[in-house]
Amino acid sequence: MIKRLVCAVVTMCAASVSWAQGGGAGGGPGGEAVPARVISEAEVRAWLESMLERDRAAERLRSLRIRWDSLWHPRLSDAEFQAKVAESFDDPGLIEFVKRERELRELFGGKTRAQINFWWQDGSNWRLNADLPDRASEAARKKGYLPFFDSCRTSQHAWSVNDREISINNEPTSRAARRMTEFSKARYELELMFDWGLSAYLPNATVRDVQARGDRWSAHVVGTTAAIRYEGRWDPTLSAFVPQKSVYERHPDPASEGMITTWSDWIAIPNVPGEFAAASVRATRADGRPAINLSGLTLLPLDRAEFARVIQIPDPLGSDPIRGQLRASRVYDHRTNSVSVRAADGKMTAAGEMDPTLPPVVPPTRWQGVTSAAESWARKWVGPWVGWLLLAILVPALLIVRYRSTRSV
């Protein structure tokens, strides 16, 4: 009995020591405690420098099916919003911004919630589906918000689709194609989970002030436009360094200075030995308000047959492999420079040609779900005013040039 008691005490003490050193219950693959490793500053510096030198996630990832949930909180606090409202009385340029911000707060609490699905072969061949569940309500639809936005780019074509419009282009590297398939917000979120902010705003970055104690480390990463302080540890289960927290000490956007980001729930990237991503990312503003929550990251090898199906150009009269029957009422086809609309009988009819002098058609919803009302306001008022302003500038200039040329003769 005494012998068993002594053994139990010894086991508990050993477990406690291992826990204190960073192993913890469940630290190993079978739940056993994993001994901590004492790391050196040289190791941490070498690892961080190698992370800075590698390609960004969107360039190096291959053949993955990626899914995650995204939640962006209001950028402005209630007090900041009320200050903008007050400013708008003296600044007409803020009126539309305040109107839209108030609408977002009333309809969605100012938040943007999205469910992201990527079929990702490489940086030049992918399909992105962004579902915006809060915008599926009838109230949101009446205001012009759209519940989903899909885009695709391959080496042969590019397209985008929502439940109102389809845009198609067979020149995937053209300006129009790039604009219609822009995924800057998804790229930013990818890099938060896969690159931990090391590739954002950090050109020509250097690693400074590295410290290591036991299995914990900290360092400053300083670039030309930003500076970030990182804290992390050696993860014995992954056999890798991982960041746990970062603070933006300097940022191109002053509102983001002091932003705190934390990473957790690490998962291995299929078919990429030694690489990991954080399935949970939380960013908090300097004043303590939540900024971004990314969660539920899942990674699977890409099924090539499925990928071939989902990248097909959408047929407005057909069925999409993911969305089913499409309801888009207008198609912008850059291949033929034509526009077609859905008639009362459900068929698509020609509605004229696209004006090549106009900017490329951009779907009326981006990640944030921009309202069509805002776009129509811009077309109605901003366009004519810009035109008159250009005439006011160009006509006198041309007269002066002609007058001078006449004088010289």
Protein backbone atom coordinates (compact mmCIF):
# COMPACT_ATOMS: atom_id res chain seq x y z
CA MET A 1 0.00 0.00 0.00
CA ILE A 2 2.77 2.43 0.99
CA LYS A 3 4.72 1.45 -2.14
CA ARG A 4 1.71 2.24 -4.37
CA LEU A 5 1.20 5.57 -2.60
CA VAL A 6 4.85 6.53 -3.11
CA CYS A 7 4.62 5.63 -6.81
CA ALA A 8 1.49 7.71 -7.18
CA VAL A 9 3.12 10.72 -5.52
CA VAL A 10 6.22 10.40 -7.72
CA THR A 11 4.03 10.17 -10.85
CA MET A 12 2.03 13.24 -9.83
CA CYS A 13 5.20 15.21 -9.13
CA ALA A 14 6.68 14.23 -12.50
CA ALA A 15 3.46 15.27 -14.23
CA SER A 16 3.46 18.59 -12.37
CA VAL A 17 7.06 19.28 -13.40
CA SER A 18 6.27 18.45 -17.01
CA TRP A 19 3.19 20.71 -16.92
CA ALA A 20 5.23 23.58 -15.50
CA GLN A 21 7.80 23.10 -18.26
CA GLY A 22 5.18 23.36 -20.97
CA GLY A 23 4.11 19.76 -21.67
CA GLY A 24 0.70 19.74 -20.05
CA ALA A 25 -1.97 17.08 -20.01
CA GLY A 26 -2.65 15.87 -23.48
CA GLY A 27 0.59 17.42 -24.71
CA GLY A 28 1.60 14.33 -26.68
CA PRO A 29 -0.30 12.50 -29.43
CA GLY A 30 -1.66 9.95 -26.92
CA GLY A 31 -2.37 12.50 -24.20
CA GLU A 32 0.90 11.82 -22.38
CA ALA A 33 3.00 14.66 -21.01
CA VAL A 34 5.68 15.91 -23.39
CA PRO A 35 8.94 17.23 -21.92
CA ALA A 36 9.66 20.89 -22.59
CA ARG A 37 12.60 21.97 -24.68
CA VAL A 38 14.93 24.80 -23.78
CA ILE A 39 15.28 27.01 -26.84
CA SER A 40 17.99 29.51 -27.77
CA GLU A 41 17.81 33.03 -29.14
CA ALA A 42 19.78 31.97 -32.21
CA GLU A 43 17.18 29.31 -33.04
CA VAL A 44 14.30 31.77 -32.69
CA ARG A 45 16.07 34.39 -34.84
CA ALA A 46 16.87 31.86 -37.57
CA TRP A 47 13.27 30.61 -37.59
CA LEU A 48 11.75 34.10 -37.79
CA GLU A 49 14.10 35.11 -40.58
CA SER A 50 13.16 31.99 -42.55
CA MET A 51 9.47 32.86 -42.08
CA LEU A 52 10.09 36.33 -43.48
CA GLU A 53 11.90 34.94 -46.51
CA ARG A 54 9.27 32.41 -47.57
CA ASP A 55 6.49 33.19 -50.05
CA ARG A 56 3.19 34.49 -48.76
CA ALA A 57 0.45 31.95 -48.11
CA ALA A 58 -1.48 32.80 -51.28
CA GLU A 59 1.66 32.09 -53.34
CA ARG A 60 2.94 28.93 -51.66
CA LEU A 61 -0.23 26.97 -50.78
CA ARG A 62 -1.12 24.14 -53.16
CA SER A 63 -4.06 21.77 -53.70
CA LEU A 64 -6.15 22.53 -50.64
CA ARG A 65 -9.82 22.72 -49.73
CA ILE A 66 -9.94 25.53 -47.16
CA ARG A 67 -12.87 26.60 -45.00
CA TRP A 68 -13.22 29.06 -42.11
CA ASP A 69 -15.63 31.45 -40.39
CA SER A 70 -14.93 35.18 -40.36
CA LEU A 71 -16.35 37.92 -38.14
CA TRP A 72 -15.34 41.57 -38.43
CA HIS A 73 -16.57 43.90 -35.69
CA PRO A 74 -17.39 47.60 -36.20
CA ARG A 75 -14.32 49.66 -36.94
CA LEU A 76 -15.72 52.72 -35.19
CA SER A 77 -16.76 52.80 -31.55
CA ASP A 78 -20.16 54.28 -30.72
CA ALA A 79 -18.47 57.52 -29.65
CA GLU A 80 -16.42 57.68 -32.87
CA PHE A 81 -19.54 57.10 -34.94
CA GLN A 82 -21.42 59.88 -33.18
CA ALA A 83 -18.43 62.16 -33.83
CA LYS A 84 -18.68 61.33 -37.56
CA VAL A 85 -22.39 62.12 -37.46
CA ALA A 86 -21.59 65.53 -35.99
CA GLU A 87 -18.85 66.12 -38.60
CA SER A 88 -21.25 65.28 -41.44
CA PHE A 89 -23.28 68.44 -40.74
CA ASP A 90 -20.28 70.49 -41.86
CA ASP A 91 -18.83 68.01 -44.35
CA PRO A 92 -21.30 66.83 -47.05
CA GLY A 93 -18.74 64.25 -48.16
CA LEU A 94 -19.44 62.29 -44.98
CA ILE A 95 -23.21 62.14 -45.41
CA GLU A 96 -23.24 58.95 -47.47
CA PHE A 97 -20.67 57.29 -45.21
CA VAL A 98 -22.72 58.08 -42.10
CA LYS A 99 -25.90 56.88 -43.79
CA ARG A 100 -24.35 53.55 -44.72
CA GLU A 101 -22.63 53.10 -41.35
CA ARG A 102 -25.93 53.72 -39.55
CA GLU A 103 -27.62 51.21 -41.85
CA LEU A 104 -24.96 48.57 -41.15
CA ARG A 105 -25.37 49.11 -37.40
CA GLU A 106 -29.15 48.90 -37.55
CA LEU A 107 -29.27 45.80 -39.73
CA PHE A 108 -26.21 43.83 -38.59
CA GLY A 109 -24.92 45.52 -35.45
CA GLY A 110 -22.13 46.90 -37.63
CA LYS A 111 -20.63 43.44 -38.01
CA THR A 112 -19.67 41.51 -41.14
CA ARG A 113 -20.08 37.76 -40.70
CA ALA A 114 -18.91 35.42 -43.46
CA GLN A 115 -18.42 31.71 -44.08
CA ILE A 116 -15.53 31.20 -46.47
CA ASN A 117 -14.89 28.23 -48.74
CA PHE A 118 -11.84 28.01 -50.98
CA TRP A 119 -11.09 25.42 -53.63
CA TRP A 120 -7.42 26.27 -53.99
CA GLN A 121 -5.14 24.66 -56.56
CA ASP A 122 -2.61 27.51 -56.51
CA GLY A 123 -2.46 31.30 -56.63
CA SER A 124 -3.63 31.32 -60.26
CA ASN A 125 -6.33 28.64 -60.07
CA TRP A 126 -9.00 28.86 -57.39
CA ARG A 127 -12.65 29.35 -56.53
CA LEU A 128 -13.82 31.38 -53.54
CA ASN A 129 -17.32 31.22 -52.04
CA ALA A 130 -18.23 33.82 -49.43
CA ASP A 131 -21.60 33.36 -47.70
CA LEU A 132 -22.89 36.33 -45.71
CA PRO A 133 -25.72 34.79 -43.65
CA ASP A 134 -26.80 38.01 -41.93
CA ARG A 135 -27.53 39.52 -45.36
CA ALA A 136 -29.97 36.79 -46.37
CA SER A 137 -32.92 38.40 -44.55
CA GLU A 138 -35.66 40.12 -46.51
CA ALA A 139 -34.86 43.43 -44.80
CA ALA A 140 -31.23 43.22 -45.93
CA ARG A 141 -32.18 42.25 -49.48
CA LYS A 142 -34.55 45.21 -49.75
CA LYS A 143 -31.66 47.49 -48.83
CA GLY A 144 -29.56 46.04 -51.64
CA TYR A 145 -27.30 43.68 -49.65
CA LEU A 146 -26.42 40.34 -51.18
CA PRO A 147 -26.18 37.05 -49.25
CA PHE A 148 -23.23 35.58 -51.15
CA PHE A 149 -20.40 36.43 -53.48
CA ASP A 150 -18.43 33.84 -55.44
CA SER A 151 -15.41 34.37 -57.67
CA CYS A 152 -13.07 32.16 -59.66
CA ARG A 153 -9.82 32.56 -61.53
CA THR A 154 -8.02 29.98 -63.65
CA SER A 155 -5.39 30.10 -66.37
CA GLN A 156 -8.22 30.16 -68.97
CA HIS A 157 -10.91 32.39 -67.50
CA ALA A 158 -12.19 34.44 -64.59
CA TRP A 159 -15.72 34.99 -63.33
CA SER A 160 -17.78 36.23 -60.43
CA VAL A 161 -21.37 35.54 -59.46
CA ASN A 162 -23.95 36.62 -56.90
CA ASP A 163 -27.72 36.27 -56.91
CA ARG A 164 -28.07 39.33 -59.16
CA GLU A 165 -25.13 39.49 -61.53
CA ILE A 166 -22.63 37.31 -63.35
CA SER A 167 -19.39 38.66 -64.84
CA ILE A 168 -17.26 36.54 -67.19
CA ASN A 169 -13.83 37.20 -68.67
CA ASN A 170 -11.56 34.92 -70.71
CA GLU A 171 -8.46 37.02 -70.01
CA PRO A 172 -7.75 36.15 -66.35
CA THR A 173 -4.75 38.47 -66.08
CA SER A 174 -6.58 41.54 -67.41
CA ARG A 175 -7.45 44.47 -65.17
CA ALA A 176 -11.17 43.75 -65.50
CA ALA A 177 -10.71 40.11 -64.52
CA ARG A 178 -8.56 40.97 -61.54
CA ARG A 179 -11.06 43.53 -60.29
CA MET A 180 -14.03 41.20 -60.59
CA THR A 181 -12.19 38.43 -58.69
CA GLU A 182 -10.45 40.58 -56.08
CA PHE A 183 -10.11 38.77 -52.75
CA SER A 184 -7.92 41.11 -50.71
CA LYS A 185 -9.89 40.53 -47.52
CA ALA A 186 -9.71 36.75 -47.88
CA ARG A 187 -5.98 37.06 -48.62
CA TYR A 188 -5.52 39.09 -45.44
CA GLU A 189 -7.37 36.47 -43.41
CA LEU A 190 -5.37 33.65 -45.01
CA GLU A 191 -2.15 35.37 -44.06
CA LEU A 192 -3.32 35.90 -40.49
CA MET A 193 -3.93 32.15 -40.11
CA PHE A 194 -1.01 30.84 -42.18
CA ASP A 195 1.61 33.62 -41.94
CA TRP A 196 0.66 35.19 -38.56
CA GLY A 197 0.96 38.71 -39.91
CA LEU A 198 4.63 38.27 -40.82
CA SER A 199 4.00 38.98 -44.50
CA ALA A 200 1.68 41.98 -44.08
CA TYR A 201 3.12 45.53 -44.11
CA LEU A 202 6.63 44.17 -43.47
CA PRO A 203 8.77 44.75 -46.57
CA ASN A 204 12.52 44.64 -45.87
CA ALA A 205 11.80 43.48 -42.32
CA THR A 206 14.48 42.68 -39.78
CA VAL A 207 14.33 40.63 -36.58
CA ARG A 208 15.43 42.44 -33.43
CA ASP A 209 15.51 42.09 -29.65
CA VAL A 210 15.15 38.31 -29.63
CA GLN A 211 14.77 36.76 -26.18
CA ALA A 212 14.38 33.12 -25.16
CA ARG A 213 13.68 31.67 -21.74
CA GLY A 214 12.88 28.00 -21.32
CA ASP A 215 10.43 27.15 -24.10
CA ARG A 216 9.17 30.76 -24.44
CA TRP A 217 10.40 33.40 -26.85
CA SER A 218 9.77 37.02 -27.85
CA ALA A 219 11.05 39.26 -30.62
CA HIS A 220 10.45 42.48 -32.56
CA VAL A 221 9.93 42.31 -36.33
CA VAL A 222 10.49 45.75 -37.83
CA GLY A 223 9.66 46.70 -41.42
CA THR A 224 9.66 49.97 -43.35
CA THR A 225 6.00 50.69 -42.58
CA ALA A 226 5.22 48.59 -39.50
CA ALA A 227 6.72 47.11 -36.36
CA ILE A 228 5.31 44.08 -34.49
CA ARG A 229 6.25 42.57 -31.16
CA TYR A 230 5.72 38.80 -31.01
CA GLU A 231 5.51 36.38 -28.11
CA GLY A 232 5.42 32.62 -28.56
CA ARG A 233 6.66 29.23 -27.48
CA TRP A 234 8.10 25.96 -28.67
CA ASP A 235 5.21 23.55 -29.25
CA PRO A 236 6.41 20.02 -28.37
CA THR A 237 3.46 18.37 -30.11
CA LEU A 238 4.13 20.13 -33.42
CA SER A 239 7.91 20.20 -32.87
CA ALA A 240 7.83 23.79 -34.06
CA PHE A 241 7.95 27.39 -32.92
CA VAL A 242 4.53 29.04 -32.82
CA PRO A 243 3.45 32.62 -32.06
CA GLN A 244 0.85 33.14 -29.36
CA LYS A 245 0.46 36.91 -29.37
CA SER A 246 1.50 39.97 -31.34
CA VAL A 247 1.15 43.71 -30.82
CA TYR A 248 1.32 46.28 -33.63
CA GLU A 249 3.64 48.93 -32.22
CA ARG A 250 3.65 50.76 -35.56
CA HIS A 251 1.17 50.42 -38.44
CA PRO A 252 0.41 52.29 -41.70
CA ASP A 253 -3.10 52.87 -40.36
CA PRO A 254 -2.85 54.73 -37.03
CA ALA A 255 -6.19 53.22 -35.96
CA SER A 256 -4.54 49.78 -36.01
CA GLU A 257 -1.61 50.70 -33.78
CA GLY A 258 -1.78 48.78 -30.52
CA MET A 259 -3.82 45.99 -32.15
CA ILE A 260 -3.33 42.73 -30.25
CA THR A 261 -3.63 39.42 -32.12
CA THR A 262 -3.65 35.95 -30.55
CA TRP A 263 -3.31 32.55 -32.23
CA SER A 264 -4.42 29.11 -31.01
CA ASP A 265 -5.70 25.67 -32.09
CA TRP A 266 -2.85 24.78 -34.40
CA ILE A 267 -3.43 22.28 -37.22
CA ALA A 268 -1.07 20.70 -39.74
CA ILE A 269 -1.31 21.70 -43.41
CA PRO A 270 -1.99 18.60 -45.57
CA ASN A 271 0.84 17.59 -47.90
CA VAL A 272 3.16 20.28 -46.49
CA PRO A 273 5.48 18.73 -43.90
CA GLY A 274 6.43 21.02 -41.05
CA GLU A 275 3.88 23.76 -41.82
CA PHE A 276 0.98 24.66 -39.55
CA ALA A 277 -1.89 27.13 -39.40
CA ALA A 278 -3.87 28.64 -36.54
CA ALA A 279 -7.50 27.53 -36.61
CA SER A 280 -8.43 30.35 -34.24
CA VAL A 281 -7.30 33.98 -34.53
CA ARG A 282 -8.56 36.90 -32.47
CA ALA A 283 -7.61 40.54 -32.98
CA THR A 284 -8.45 43.20 -30.41
CA ARG A 285 -8.06 46.96 -30.76
CA ALA A 286 -5.89 48.98 -28.42
CA ASP A 287 -8.98 50.17 -26.51
CA GLY A 288 -10.08 46.58 -25.87
CA ARG A 289 -12.82 46.40 -28.51
CA PRO A 290 -12.89 43.20 -30.61
CA ALA A 291 -11.78 43.67 -34.21
CA ILE A 292 -11.55 40.30 -36.01
CA ASN A 293 -12.43 36.71 -35.09
CA LEU A 294 -11.39 33.86 -37.38
CA SER A 295 -12.40 30.36 -36.35
CA GLY A 296 -13.22 26.85 -37.51
CA LEU A 297 -10.38 26.54 -40.00
CA THR A 298 -10.44 23.15 -41.72
CA LEU A 299 -7.95 21.93 -44.31
CA LEU A 300 -8.39 18.99 -46.66
CA PRO A 301 -6.52 17.83 -49.76
CA LEU A 302 -8.16 19.21 -52.90
CA ASP A 303 -10.23 16.72 -54.88
CA ARG A 304 -9.22 17.34 -58.50
CA ALA A 305 -12.48 16.06 -59.96
CA GLU A 306 -14.49 18.34 -57.67
CA PHE A 307 -12.22 21.27 -58.53
CA ALA A 308 -12.79 20.71 -62.26
CA ARG A 309 -16.56 20.89 -61.65
CA VAL A 310 -16.65 24.00 -59.45
CA ILE A 311 -14.48 26.20 -61.71
CA GLN A 312 -16.76 25.87 -64.74
CA ILE A 313 -18.10 29.16 -66.09
CA PRO A 314 -21.58 29.68 -64.58
CA ASP A 315 -24.57 29.31 -66.87
CA PRO A 316 -27.33 31.82 -65.97
CA LEU A 317 -29.90 29.32 -67.20
CA GLY A 318 -28.21 26.33 -65.63
CA SER A 319 -27.24 24.98 -62.25
CA ASP A 320 -24.02 25.68 -60.36
CA PRO A 321 -22.38 22.69 -58.58
CA ILE A 322 -22.39 24.66 -55.31
CA ARG A 323 -25.21 27.21 -55.59
CA GLY A 324 -27.69 25.18 -57.56
CA GLN A 325 -30.05 27.13 -59.83
CA LEU A 326 -28.69 30.64 -60.41
CA ARG A 327 -31.01 33.65 -60.12
CA ALA A 328 -28.78 36.36 -61.59
CA SER A 329 -30.81 38.84 -63.62
CA ARG A 330 -27.88 40.37 -65.53
CA VAL A 331 -24.76 38.96 -67.22
CA TYR A 332 -21.70 41.02 -68.16
CA ASP A 333 -19.72 39.01 -70.70
CA HIS A 334 -16.31 40.55 -71.38
CA ARG A 335 -15.60 37.84 -73.96
CA THR A 336 -18.18 39.32 -76.33
CA ASN A 337 -18.38 42.77 -74.74
CA SER A 338 -22.10 42.21 -74.27
CA VAL A 339 -24.76 42.58 -71.59
CA SER A 340 -27.79 40.35 -71.27
CA VAL A 341 -30.76 40.49 -68.89
CA ARG A 342 -33.29 37.95 -67.69
CA ALA A 343 -36.70 38.44 -69.29
CA ALA A 344 -40.06 37.77 -67.65
CA ASP A 345 -40.09 34.25 -69.08
CA GLY A 346 -36.77 33.48 -67.38
CA LYS A 347 -34.70 33.50 -70.57
CA MET A 348 -31.69 35.74 -71.13
CA THR A 349 -32.00 38.41 -73.82
CA ALA A 350 -29.40 40.78 -75.28
CA ALA A 351 -29.40 44.25 -73.74
CA GLY A 352 -26.63 45.93 -75.69
CA GLU A 353 -22.86 46.21 -75.56
CA MET A 354 -20.56 47.12 -72.70
CA ASP A 355 -18.97 50.55 -73.06
CA PRO A 356 -15.21 49.86 -73.39
CA THR A 357 -14.43 53.39 -72.16
CA LEU A 358 -16.04 52.73 -68.78
CA PRO A 359 -14.19 51.09 -65.86
CA PRO A 360 -14.54 47.31 -65.52
CA VAL A 361 -17.81 46.13 -64.02
CA VAL A 362 -17.38 45.36 -60.34
CA PRO A 363 -20.15 43.34 -58.66
CA PRO A 364 -22.27 45.45 -56.30
CA THR A 365 -21.13 43.49 -53.28
CA ARG A 366 -17.69 43.05 -51.91
CA TRP A 367 -16.71 41.36 -48.70
CA GLN A 368 -18.60 44.02 -46.76
CA GLY A 369 -21.73 43.73 -48.91
CA VAL A 370 -21.84 47.24 -50.37
CA THR A 371 -25.40 48.40 -50.99
CA SER A 372 -26.66 49.01 -54.50
CA ALA A 373 -28.17 52.25 -53.19
CA ALA A 374 -24.67 53.58 -52.54
CA GLU A 375 -23.61 52.65 -56.05
CA SER A 376 -26.65 54.27 -57.65
CA TRP A 377 -25.97 57.43 -55.61
CA ALA A 378 -22.40 57.50 -56.91
CA ARG A 379 -23.53 57.02 -60.51
CA LYS A 380 -26.26 59.67 -60.19
CA TRP A 381 -24.31 62.41 -58.43
CA VAL A 382 -20.58 61.73 -58.37
CA GLY A 383 -20.36 60.87 -62.09
CA PRO A 384 -21.99 64.08 -63.41
CA TRP A 385 -20.10 66.28 -60.96
CA VAL A 386 -16.81 64.72 -61.99
CA GLY A 387 -17.72 65.30 -65.64
CA TRP A 388 -18.57 68.95 -65.12
CA LEU A 389 -15.43 69.43 -63.05
CA LEU A 390 -13.28 67.98 -65.83
CA LEU A 391 -14.97 70.26 -68.38
CA ALA A 392 -14.38 73.27 -66.13
CA ILE A 393 -10.68 72.42 -66.02
CA LEU A 394 -10.04 71.17 -69.56
CA VAL A 395 -11.91 73.77 -71.62
CA PRO A 396 -9.99 76.81 -70.26
CA ALA A 397 -6.75 74.84 -70.52
CA LEU A 398 -7.39 74.03 -74.19
CA LEU A 399 -8.28 77.67 -74.93
CA ILE A 400 -5.05 78.85 -73.29
CA VAL A 401 -2.98 76.33 -75.31
CA ARG A 402 -4.69 77.38 -78.54
CA TYR A 403 -4.24 81.07 -77.73
CA ARG A 404 -0.53 80.57 -77.05
CA SER A 405 -0.03 78.56 -80.23
CA THR A 406 -1.80 81.34 -82.23
CA ARG A 407 0.41 83.99 -80.60
CA SER A 408 3.54 82.02 -81.45
CA VAL A 409 2.50 81.92 -85.13
